[in-house]
């Protein structure tokens, strides 16, 4: 069942979204050659704790870290550890925050040092495809309208969309109905109404859309070993333009 949020719930989700966005920005600022992914995770844990929030991912389904840090051909769910980020790496940061029982969820892709033109273009197209998608996020439209806009924007530029993992509803649970695929699916027929909150997250590959999961049980990589990028925000469906909830304090746009 799709949950429509009350004004009180939306206020809590705005705060959860702000904290998640600030944690994402902090993590992104740390993406430099030589730092370990575990060090980034440590700083995000420390930040969220100082704000009175809890990392959404820590312990979720047994996940052992506060954020997902996925490098190059890793698409999502990379586990932070001793790996050092190298010059030219494409690093995906995915972070969630729980504030008074409600979640904010966001992700972005960052380049470490100087990255290749191919990686830069992939990162920019992935981010823009999110914004193309939310142009359709209005009452009366369907989830599939968001999906189609994301798919068309990426495929026209020669990229493919991961199909095994999708966006989702969000609120007091990290994953709520409905699913929000980044490609047109017959499952995505729900109508949008004001008060719905969605995590929209294009996962875009340079090569084919096929992925596989590594033996750690979490990390998802492209099947062909080619680059992937990820971008995500939590949004609120309003009676007009959608509102991005994962924004840092004082900003009107997401990172």
C-alpha atoms as a PDB file:
ATOM      1  CA  UNK A   1       0.000   0.000   0.000  1.00  0.00           C
ATOM      2  CA  UNK A   2       1.290   3.457  -0.890  1.00  0.00           C
ATOM      3  CA  UNK A   3       1.517   5.709   2.166  1.00  0.00           C
ATOM      4  CA  UNK A   4       0.426   9.337   1.841  1.00  0.00           C
ATOM      5  CA  UNK A   5       2.332  11.495   4.316  1.00  0.00           C
ATOM      6  CA  UNK A   6       0.792  13.992   6.722  1.00  0.00           C
ATOM      7  CA  UNK A   7       2.160  17.510   7.202  1.00  0.00           C
ATOM      8  CA  UNK A   8       3.900  16.338  10.393  1.00  0.00           C
ATOM      9  CA  UNK A   9       5.508  13.389   8.626  1.00  0.00           C
ATOM     10  CA  UNK A  10       6.651  15.607   5.766  1.00  0.00           C
ATOM     11  CA  UNK A  11       8.297  18.002   8.229  1.00  0.00           C
ATOM     12  CA  UNK A  12      10.255  15.125   9.744  1.00  0.00           C
ATOM     13  CA  UNK A  13      11.214  13.876   6.292  1.00  0.00           C
ATOM     14  CA  UNK A  14      12.498  17.327   5.352  1.00  0.00           C
ATOM     15  CA  UNK A  15      14.847  17.202   8.310  1.00  0.00           C
ATOM     16  CA  UNK A  16      15.891  13.616   7.592  1.00  0.00           C
ATOM     17  CA  UNK A  17      16.459  14.615   3.970  1.00  0.00           C
ATOM     18  CA  UNK A  18      18.554  17.631   4.927  1.00  0.00           C
ATOM     19  CA  UNK A  19      20.791  15.512   7.148  1.00  0.00           C
ATOM     20  CA  UNK A  20      21.175  12.836   4.483  1.00  0.00           C
ATOM     21  CA  UNK A  21      22.074  15.506   1.906  1.00  0.00           C
ATOM     22  CA  UNK A  22      24.632  17.085   4.225  1.00  0.00           C
ATOM     23  CA  UNK A  23      26.129  13.651   4.913  1.00  0.00           C
ATOM     24  CA  UNK A  24      26.323  13.047   1.147  1.00  0.00           C
ATOM     25  CA  UNK A  25      28.037  16.410   0.630  1.00  0.00           C
ATOM     26  CA  UNK A  26      30.507  15.657   3.423  1.00  0.00           C
ATOM     27  CA  UNK A  27      31.336  12.261   1.942  1.00  0.00           C
ATOM     28  CA  UNK A  28      31.684  13.751  -1.531  1.00  0.00           C
ATOM     29  CA  UNK A  29      34.127  16.368  -0.267  1.00  0.00           C
ATOM     30  CA  UNK A  30      36.321  13.571   1.095  1.00  0.00           C
ATOM     31  CA  UNK A  31      36.557  11.696  -2.212  1.00  0.00           C
ATOM     32  CA  UNK A  32      40.231  12.217  -3.001  1.00  0.00           C
ATOM     33  CA  UNK A  33      43.061   9.908  -4.041  1.00  0.00           C
ATOM     34  CA  UNK A  34      44.600   8.185  -1.021  1.00  0.00           C
ATOM     35  CA  UNK A  35      41.609   8.140   1.337  1.00  0.00           C
ATOM     36  CA  UNK A  36      40.071   4.798   2.232  1.00  0.00           C
ATOM     37  CA  UNK A  37      36.363   4.150   1.814  1.00  0.00           C
ATOM     38  CA  UNK A  38      36.226   3.201   5.511  1.00  0.00           C
ATOM     39  CA  UNK A  39      37.542   6.640   6.483  1.00  0.00           C
ATOM     40  CA  UNK A  40      34.701   8.259   4.548  1.00  0.00           C
ATOM     41  CA  UNK A  41      32.219   5.973   6.297  1.00  0.00           C
ATOM     42  CA  UNK A  42      33.685   6.897   9.702  1.00  0.00           C
ATOM     43  CA  UNK A  43      33.227  10.620   9.076  1.00  0.00           C
ATOM     44  CA  UNK A  44      29.619  10.165   7.956  1.00  0.00           C
ATOM     45  CA  UNK A  45      28.815   8.102  11.055  1.00  0.00           C
ATOM     46  CA  UNK A  46      30.354  10.784  13.247  1.00  0.00           C
ATOM     47  CA  UNK A  47      28.447  13.567  11.491  1.00  0.00           C
ATOM     48  CA  UNK A  48      25.035  11.890  11.701  1.00  0.00           C
ATOM     49  CA  UNK A  49      25.542  10.999  15.355  1.00  0.00           C
ATOM     50  CA  UNK A  50      26.430  14.633  16.120  1.00  0.00           C
ATOM     51  CA  UNK A  51      23.112  15.693  14.521  1.00  0.00           C
ATOM     52  CA  UNK A  52      21.013  13.260  16.548  1.00  0.00           C
ATOM     53  CA  UNK A  53      20.345  11.093  13.506  1.00  0.00           C
ATOM     54  CA  UNK A  54      20.993   7.426  12.749  1.00  0.00           C
ATOM     55  CA  UNK A  55      22.437   6.007   9.504  1.00  0.00           C
ATOM     56  CA  UNK A  56      19.607   4.300   7.609  1.00  0.00           C
ATOM     57  CA  UNK A  57      21.864   1.630   6.140  1.00  0.00           C
ATOM     58  CA  UNK A  58      23.808   0.532   9.220  1.00  0.00           C
ATOM     59  CA  UNK A  59      22.457  -2.906  10.116  1.00  0.00           C
ATOM     60  CA  UNK A  60      19.746  -2.759   7.439  1.00  0.00           C
ATOM     61  CA  UNK A  61      19.424  -6.358   6.300  1.00  0.00           C
ATOM     62  CA  UNK A  62      22.794  -6.904   7.947  1.00  0.00           C
ATOM     63  CA  UNK A  63      24.657  -4.177   6.018  1.00  0.00           C
ATOM     64  CA  UNK A  64      27.790  -3.370   8.036  1.00  0.00           C
ATOM     65  CA  UNK A  65      28.332   0.333   7.279  1.00  0.00           C
ATOM     66  CA  UNK A  66      26.710   3.759   7.419  1.00  0.00           C
ATOM     67  CA  UNK A  67      26.988   4.375   3.680  1.00  0.00           C
ATOM     68  CA  UNK A  68      27.509   2.537   0.426  1.00  0.00           C
ATOM     69  CA  UNK A  69      30.715   3.423  -1.406  1.00  0.00           C
ATOM     70  CA  UNK A  70      30.925   1.889  -4.880  1.00  0.00           C
ATOM     71  CA  UNK A  71      33.903   2.472  -7.176  1.00  0.00           C
ATOM     72  CA  UNK A  72      34.108   2.385 -11.003  1.00  0.00           C
ATOM     73  CA  UNK A  73      32.264  -0.751 -12.232  1.00  0.00           C
ATOM     74  CA  UNK A  74      30.619  -1.169  -8.823  1.00  0.00           C
ATOM     75  CA  UNK A  75      27.044   0.029  -9.264  1.00  0.00           C
ATOM     76  CA  UNK A  76      25.623   0.094  -5.715  1.00  0.00           C
ATOM     77  CA  UNK A  77      25.988  -1.373  -2.221  1.00  0.00           C
ATOM     78  CA  UNK A  78      29.781  -1.259  -2.051  1.00  0.00           C
ATOM     79  CA  UNK A  79      30.950  -1.941   1.515  1.00  0.00           C
ATOM     80  CA  UNK A  80      33.443   0.604   2.908  1.00  0.00           C
ATOM     81  CA  UNK A  81      36.762  -0.911   3.927  1.00  0.00           C
ATOM     82  CA  UNK A  82      40.543  -0.546   3.601  1.00  0.00           C
ATOM     83  CA  UNK A  83      40.464   0.098  -0.157  1.00  0.00           C
ATOM     84  CA  UNK A  84      42.188   3.350  -1.083  1.00  0.00           C
ATOM     85  CA  UNK A  85      40.603   5.562  -3.692  1.00  0.00           C
ATOM     86  CA  UNK A  86      42.874   6.191  -6.676  1.00  0.00           C
ATOM     87  CA  UNK A  87      43.292   9.092  -9.079  1.00  0.00           C
ATOM     88  CA  UNK A  88      40.617   8.890 -11.768  1.00  0.00           C
ATOM     89  CA  UNK A  89      38.226   6.658  -9.810  1.00  0.00           C
ATOM     90  CA  UNK A  90      34.474   7.196 -10.177  1.00  0.00           C
ATOM     91  CA  UNK A  91      33.030   6.929  -6.676  1.00  0.00           C
ATOM     92  CA  UNK A  92      29.350   6.467  -5.865  1.00  0.00           C
ATOM     93  CA  UNK A  93      28.224   7.626  -2.410  1.00  0.00           C
ATOM     94  CA  UNK A  94      24.787   6.461  -1.217  1.00  0.00           C
ATOM     95  CA  UNK A  95      23.659   7.555   2.236  1.00  0.00           C
ATOM     96  CA  UNK A  96      20.476   7.578   4.303  1.00  0.00           C
ATOM     97  CA  UNK A  97      19.550   9.237   7.582  1.00  0.00           C
ATOM     98  CA  UNK A  98      16.831   8.420  10.114  1.00  0.00           C
ATOM     99  CA  UNK A  99      15.429  11.370  12.053  1.00  0.00           C
ATOM    100  CA  UNK A 100      12.652  10.785  14.584  1.00  0.00           C
ATOM    101  CA  UNK A 101      11.692   7.584  12.775  1.00  0.00           C
ATOM    102  CA  UNK A 102      11.705   8.916   9.205  1.00  0.00           C
ATOM    103  CA  UNK A 103      14.230   8.392   6.418  1.00  0.00           C
ATOM    104  CA  UNK A 104      15.997  10.552   3.881  1.00  0.00           C
ATOM    105  CA  UNK A 105      17.906   8.747   1.100  1.00  0.00           C
ATOM    106  CA  UNK A 106      20.251  10.196  -1.521  1.00  0.00           C
ATOM    107  CA  UNK A 107      23.250   9.333  -3.662  1.00  0.00           C
ATOM    108  CA  UNK A 108      25.693  10.987  -6.049  1.00  0.00           C
ATOM    109  CA  UNK A 109      28.757  10.101  -8.088  1.00  0.00           C
ATOM    110  CA  UNK A 110      32.087  11.880  -7.577  1.00  0.00           C
ATOM    111  CA  UNK A 111      35.371  11.862  -9.447  1.00  0.00           C
ATOM    112  CA  UNK A 112      38.632  11.390  -7.545  1.00  0.00           C
ATOM    113  CA  UNK A 113      41.132  13.892  -8.868  1.00  0.00           C
ATOM    114  CA  UNK A 114      41.154  14.089 -12.672  1.00  0.00           C
ATOM    115  CA  UNK A 115      38.731  11.658 -14.291  1.00  0.00           C
ATOM    116  CA  UNK A 116      38.356  10.605 -17.918  1.00  0.00           C
ATOM    117  CA  UNK A 117      36.015  12.478 -20.291  1.00  0.00           C
ATOM    118  CA  UNK A 118      33.970   9.266 -20.527  1.00  0.00           C
ATOM    119  CA  UNK A 119      33.519   9.152 -16.748  1.00  0.00           C
ATOM    120  CA  UNK A 120      32.693  12.870 -16.583  1.00  0.00           C
ATOM    121  CA  UNK A 121      30.005  12.578 -19.251  1.00  0.00           C
ATOM    122  CA  UNK A 122      28.478   9.506 -17.610  1.00  0.00           C
ATOM    123  CA  UNK A 123      28.340  11.300 -14.262  1.00  0.00           C
ATOM    124  CA  UNK A 124      26.691  14.399 -15.750  1.00  0.00           C
ATOM    125  CA  UNK A 125      24.136  12.497 -17.845  1.00  0.00           C
ATOM    126  CA  UNK A 126      23.149  10.311 -14.888  1.00  0.00           C
ATOM    127  CA  UNK A 127      22.544  13.345 -12.695  1.00  0.00           C
ATOM    128  CA  UNK A 128      20.572  15.206 -15.359  1.00  0.00           C
ATOM    129  CA  UNK A 129      18.409  12.155 -16.041  1.00  0.00           C
ATOM    130  CA  UNK A 130      17.101  12.426 -12.476  1.00  0.00           C
ATOM    131  CA  UNK A 131      15.955  15.979 -13.210  1.00  0.00           C
ATOM    132  CA  UNK A 132      14.408  14.885 -16.505  1.00  0.00           C
ATOM    133  CA  UNK A 133      12.495  12.251 -14.550  1.00  0.00           C
ATOM    134  CA  UNK A 134      11.079  14.579 -11.921  1.00  0.00           C
ATOM    135  CA  UNK A 135       9.652  16.877 -14.570  1.00  0.00           C
ATOM    136  CA  UNK A 136       6.962  14.178 -14.713  1.00  0.00           C
ATOM    137  CA  UNK A 137       6.516  13.996 -10.924  1.00  0.00           C
ATOM    138  CA  UNK A 138       3.153  15.739 -10.729  1.00  0.00           C
ATOM    139  CA  UNK A 139      -0.274  14.642  -9.496  1.00  0.00           C
ATOM    140  CA  UNK A 140      -2.166  12.655 -12.122  1.00  0.00           C
ATOM    141  CA  UNK A 141       0.964  11.378 -13.847  1.00  0.00           C
ATOM    142  CA  UNK A 142       2.073   7.773 -13.411  1.00  0.00           C
ATOM    143  CA  UNK A 143       5.277   6.326 -12.009  1.00  0.00           C
ATOM    144  CA  UNK A 144       5.924   5.067 -15.543  1.00  0.00           C
ATOM    145  CA  UNK A 145       6.082   8.654 -16.806  1.00  0.00           C
ATOM    146  CA  UNK A 146       9.073   9.275 -14.525  1.00  0.00           C
ATOM    147  CA  UNK A 147      10.609   5.973 -15.617  1.00  0.00           C
ATOM    148  CA  UNK A 148      10.155   6.736 -19.315  1.00  0.00           C
ATOM    149  CA  UNK A 149      11.760  10.177 -19.059  1.00  0.00           C
ATOM    150  CA  UNK A 150      14.825   8.737 -17.306  1.00  0.00           C
ATOM    151  CA  UNK A 151      15.128   5.858 -19.760  1.00  0.00           C
ATOM    152  CA  UNK A 152      14.749   7.962 -22.893  1.00  0.00           C
ATOM    153  CA  UNK A 153      17.241  10.602 -21.727  1.00  0.00           C
ATOM    154  CA  UNK A 154      19.928   8.006 -21.019  1.00  0.00           C
ATOM    155  CA  UNK A 155      19.325   5.704 -23.970  1.00  0.00           C
ATOM    156  CA  UNK A 156      19.389   8.618 -26.428  1.00  0.00           C
ATOM    157  CA  UNK A 157      22.917   9.238 -25.160  1.00  0.00           C
ATOM    158  CA  UNK A 158      23.996   5.632 -25.548  1.00  0.00           C
ATOM    159  CA  UNK A 159      23.710   4.422 -21.954  1.00  0.00           C
ATOM    160  CA  UNK A 160      21.732   1.590 -20.357  1.00  0.00           C
ATOM    161  CA  UNK A 161      19.666   1.490 -17.171  1.00  0.00           C
ATOM    162  CA  UNK A 162      20.120  -1.142 -14.482  1.00  0.00           C
ATOM    163  CA  UNK A 163      16.957  -3.248 -14.248  1.00  0.00           C
ATOM    164  CA  UNK A 164      17.614  -5.464 -11.258  1.00  0.00           C
ATOM    165  CA  UNK A 165      17.431  -2.542  -8.798  1.00  0.00           C
ATOM    166  CA  UNK A 166      14.974   0.351  -8.731  1.00  0.00           C
ATOM    167  CA  UNK A 167      13.893   3.426  -6.817  1.00  0.00           C
ATOM    168  CA  UNK A 168      11.194   3.196  -4.181  1.00  0.00           C
ATOM    169  CA  UNK A 169       8.716   4.820  -1.872  1.00  0.00           C
ATOM    170  CA  UNK A 170      10.195   6.005   1.426  1.00  0.00           C
ATOM    171  CA  UNK A 171       9.010   7.266   4.792  1.00  0.00           C
ATOM    172  CA  UNK A 172       8.973   5.551   8.176  1.00  0.00           C
ATOM    173  CA  UNK A 173      10.352   2.543   6.287  1.00  0.00           C
ATOM    174  CA  UNK A 174      13.424   2.743   4.117  1.00  0.00           C
ATOM    175  CA  UNK A 175      11.695   0.895   1.286  1.00  0.00           C
ATOM    176  CA  UNK A 176       7.966   1.421   0.804  1.00  0.00           C
ATOM    177  CA  UNK A 177       5.630   0.997  -2.126  1.00  0.00           C
ATOM    178  CA  UNK A 178       5.683   1.876  -4.968  1.00  0.00           C
ATOM    179  CA  UNK A 179       8.725   0.691  -6.903  1.00  0.00           C
ATOM    180  CA  UNK A 180      10.167   3.390  -9.184  1.00  0.00           C
ATOM    181  CA  UNK A 181      12.016   1.678 -12.070  1.00  0.00           C
ATOM    182  CA  UNK A 182      14.407   3.665 -14.250  1.00  0.00           C
ATOM    183  CA  UNK A 183      12.923   2.005 -17.322  1.00  0.00           C
ATOM    184  CA  UNK A 184       9.342   1.538 -18.500  1.00  0.00           C
ATOM    185  CA  UNK A 185       7.787  -1.402 -16.678  1.00  0.00           C
ATOM    186  CA  UNK A 186       4.189  -2.653 -16.552  1.00  0.00           C
ATOM    187  CA  UNK A 187       4.588  -2.761 -12.754  1.00  0.00           C
ATOM    188  CA  UNK A 188       4.937   1.032 -12.560  1.00  0.00           C
ATOM    189  CA  UNK A 189       1.350   2.057 -13.220  1.00  0.00           C
ATOM    190  CA  UNK A 190       0.518   3.827  -9.948  1.00  0.00           C
ATOM    191  CA  UNK A 191      -0.845   7.364 -10.227  1.00  0.00           C
ATOM    192  CA  UNK A 192       1.024  10.124  -8.425  1.00  0.00           C
ATOM    193  CA  UNK A 193      -0.850  12.034  -5.731  1.00  0.00           C
ATOM    194  CA  UNK A 194       0.204  14.848  -3.416  1.00  0.00           C
ATOM    195  CA  UNK A 195       1.788  13.552  -0.223  1.00  0.00           C
ATOM    196  CA  UNK A 196       3.670  10.657  -1.827  1.00  0.00           C
ATOM    197  CA  UNK A 197       7.395  10.521  -1.060  1.00  0.00           C
ATOM    198  CA  UNK A 198       9.731   8.726  -3.465  1.00  0.00           C
ATOM    199  CA  UNK A 199      13.436   7.949  -3.723  1.00  0.00           C
ATOM    200  CA  UNK A 200      14.257   8.298  -7.416  1.00  0.00           C
ATOM    201  CA  UNK A 201      17.672   6.924  -8.342  1.00  0.00           C
ATOM    202  CA  UNK A 202      18.965   6.404 -11.875  1.00  0.00           C
ATOM    203  CA  UNK A 203      21.692   3.712 -12.023  1.00  0.00           C
ATOM    204  CA  UNK A 204      23.328   4.110 -15.414  1.00  0.00           C
ATOM    205  CA  UNK A 205      25.890   1.914 -17.185  1.00  0.00           C
ATOM    206  CA  UNK A 206      28.276   2.662 -20.039  1.00  0.00           C
ATOM    207  CA  UNK A 207      27.822  -0.894 -21.341  1.00  0.00           C
ATOM    208  CA  UNK A 208      24.935  -3.320 -20.948  1.00  0.00           C
ATOM    209  CA  UNK A 209      22.377  -3.147 -18.147  1.00  0.00           C
ATOM    210  CA  UNK A 210      23.247  -6.582 -16.753  1.00  0.00           C
ATOM    211  CA  UNK A 211      24.757  -6.720 -13.266  1.00  0.00           C
ATOM    212  CA  UNK A 212      25.970  -9.344 -10.818  1.00  0.00           C
ATOM    213  CA  UNK A 213      26.472  -9.449  -7.073  1.00  0.00           C
ATOM    214  CA  UNK A 214      29.854 -10.219  -5.550  1.00  0.00           C
ATOM    215  CA  UNK A 215      30.575 -12.901  -2.978  1.00  0.00           C
ATOM    216  CA  UNK A 216      30.361 -10.386  -0.109  1.00  0.00           C
ATOM    217  CA  UNK A 217      26.583 -10.611  -0.619  1.00  0.00           C
ATOM    218  CA  UNK A 218      26.181  -6.854  -1.188  1.00  0.00           C
ATOM    219  CA  UNK A 219      28.359  -5.230  -3.823  1.00  0.00           C
ATOM    220  CA  UNK A 220      26.673  -5.072  -7.243  1.00  0.00           C
ATOM    221  CA  UNK A 221      28.935  -4.660 -10.298  1.00  0.00           C
ATOM    222  CA  UNK A 222      28.347  -4.344 -14.031  1.00  0.00           C
ATOM    223  CA  UNK A 223      28.489  -7.743 -15.691  1.00  0.00           C
ATOM    224  CA  UNK A 224      30.784  -6.438 -18.442  1.00  0.00           C
ATOM    225  CA  UNK A 225      33.126  -4.560 -16.102  1.00  0.00           C
ATOM    226  CA  UNK A 226      32.305  -1.150 -17.579  1.00  0.00           C
ATOM    227  CA  UNK A 227      31.691   2.061 -15.656  1.00  0.00           C
ATOM    228  CA  UNK A 228      28.467   2.843 -13.833  1.00  0.00           C
ATOM    229  CA  UNK A 229      27.091   5.977 -12.161  1.00  0.00           C
ATOM    230  CA  UNK A 230      24.317   6.591  -9.608  1.00  0.00           C
ATOM    231  CA  UNK A 231      22.333   9.664  -8.591  1.00  0.00           C
ATOM    232  CA  UNK A 232      19.423   9.836  -6.148  1.00  0.00           C
ATOM    233  CA  UNK A 233      17.207  12.205  -4.195  1.00  0.00           C
ATOM    234  CA  UNK A 234      14.129  11.822  -2.038  1.00  0.00           C
ATOM    235  CA  UNK A 235      11.234  13.881  -3.394  1.00  0.00           C
ATOM    236  CA  UNK A 236       7.758  14.894  -2.281  1.00  0.00           C
ATOM    237  CA  UNK A 237       4.835  14.982  -4.698  1.00  0.00           C
ATOM    238  CA  UNK A 238       2.984  18.273  -4.171  1.00  0.00           C
ATOM    239  CA  UNK A 239       0.059  19.917  -5.922  1.00  0.00           C
ATOM    240  CA  UNK A 240       2.573  21.610  -8.212  1.00  0.00           C
ATOM    241  CA  UNK A 241       6.305  21.141  -8.746  1.00  0.00           C
ATOM    242  CA  UNK A 242       7.873  18.241  -6.842  1.00  0.00           C
ATOM    243  CA  UNK A 243       9.927  19.178  -3.795  1.00  0.00           C
ATOM    244  CA  UNK A 244      13.388  17.674  -3.384  1.00  0.00           C
ATOM    245  CA  UNK A 245      13.743  16.784   0.297  1.00  0.00           C
ATOM    246  CA  UNK A 246      17.414  15.809   0.229  1.00  0.00           C
ATOM    247  CA  UNK A 247      18.835  19.338   0.059  1.00  0.00           C
ATOM    248  CA  UNK A 248      21.372  20.948   2.341  1.00  0.00           C
ATOM    249  CA  UNK A 249      20.391  23.840   4.570  1.00  0.00           C
ATOM    250  CA  UNK A 250      19.716  27.092   2.732  1.00  0.00           C
ATOM    251  CA  UNK A 251      19.884  25.553  -0.741  1.00  0.00           C
ATOM    252  CA  UNK A 252      17.008  25.209  -3.180  1.00  0.00           C
ATOM    253  CA  UNK A 253      18.641  22.516  -5.286  1.00  0.00           C
ATOM    254  CA  UNK A 254      20.194  19.156  -4.590  1.00  0.00           C
ATOM    255  CA  UNK A 255      23.922  18.600  -4.895  1.00  0.00           C
END
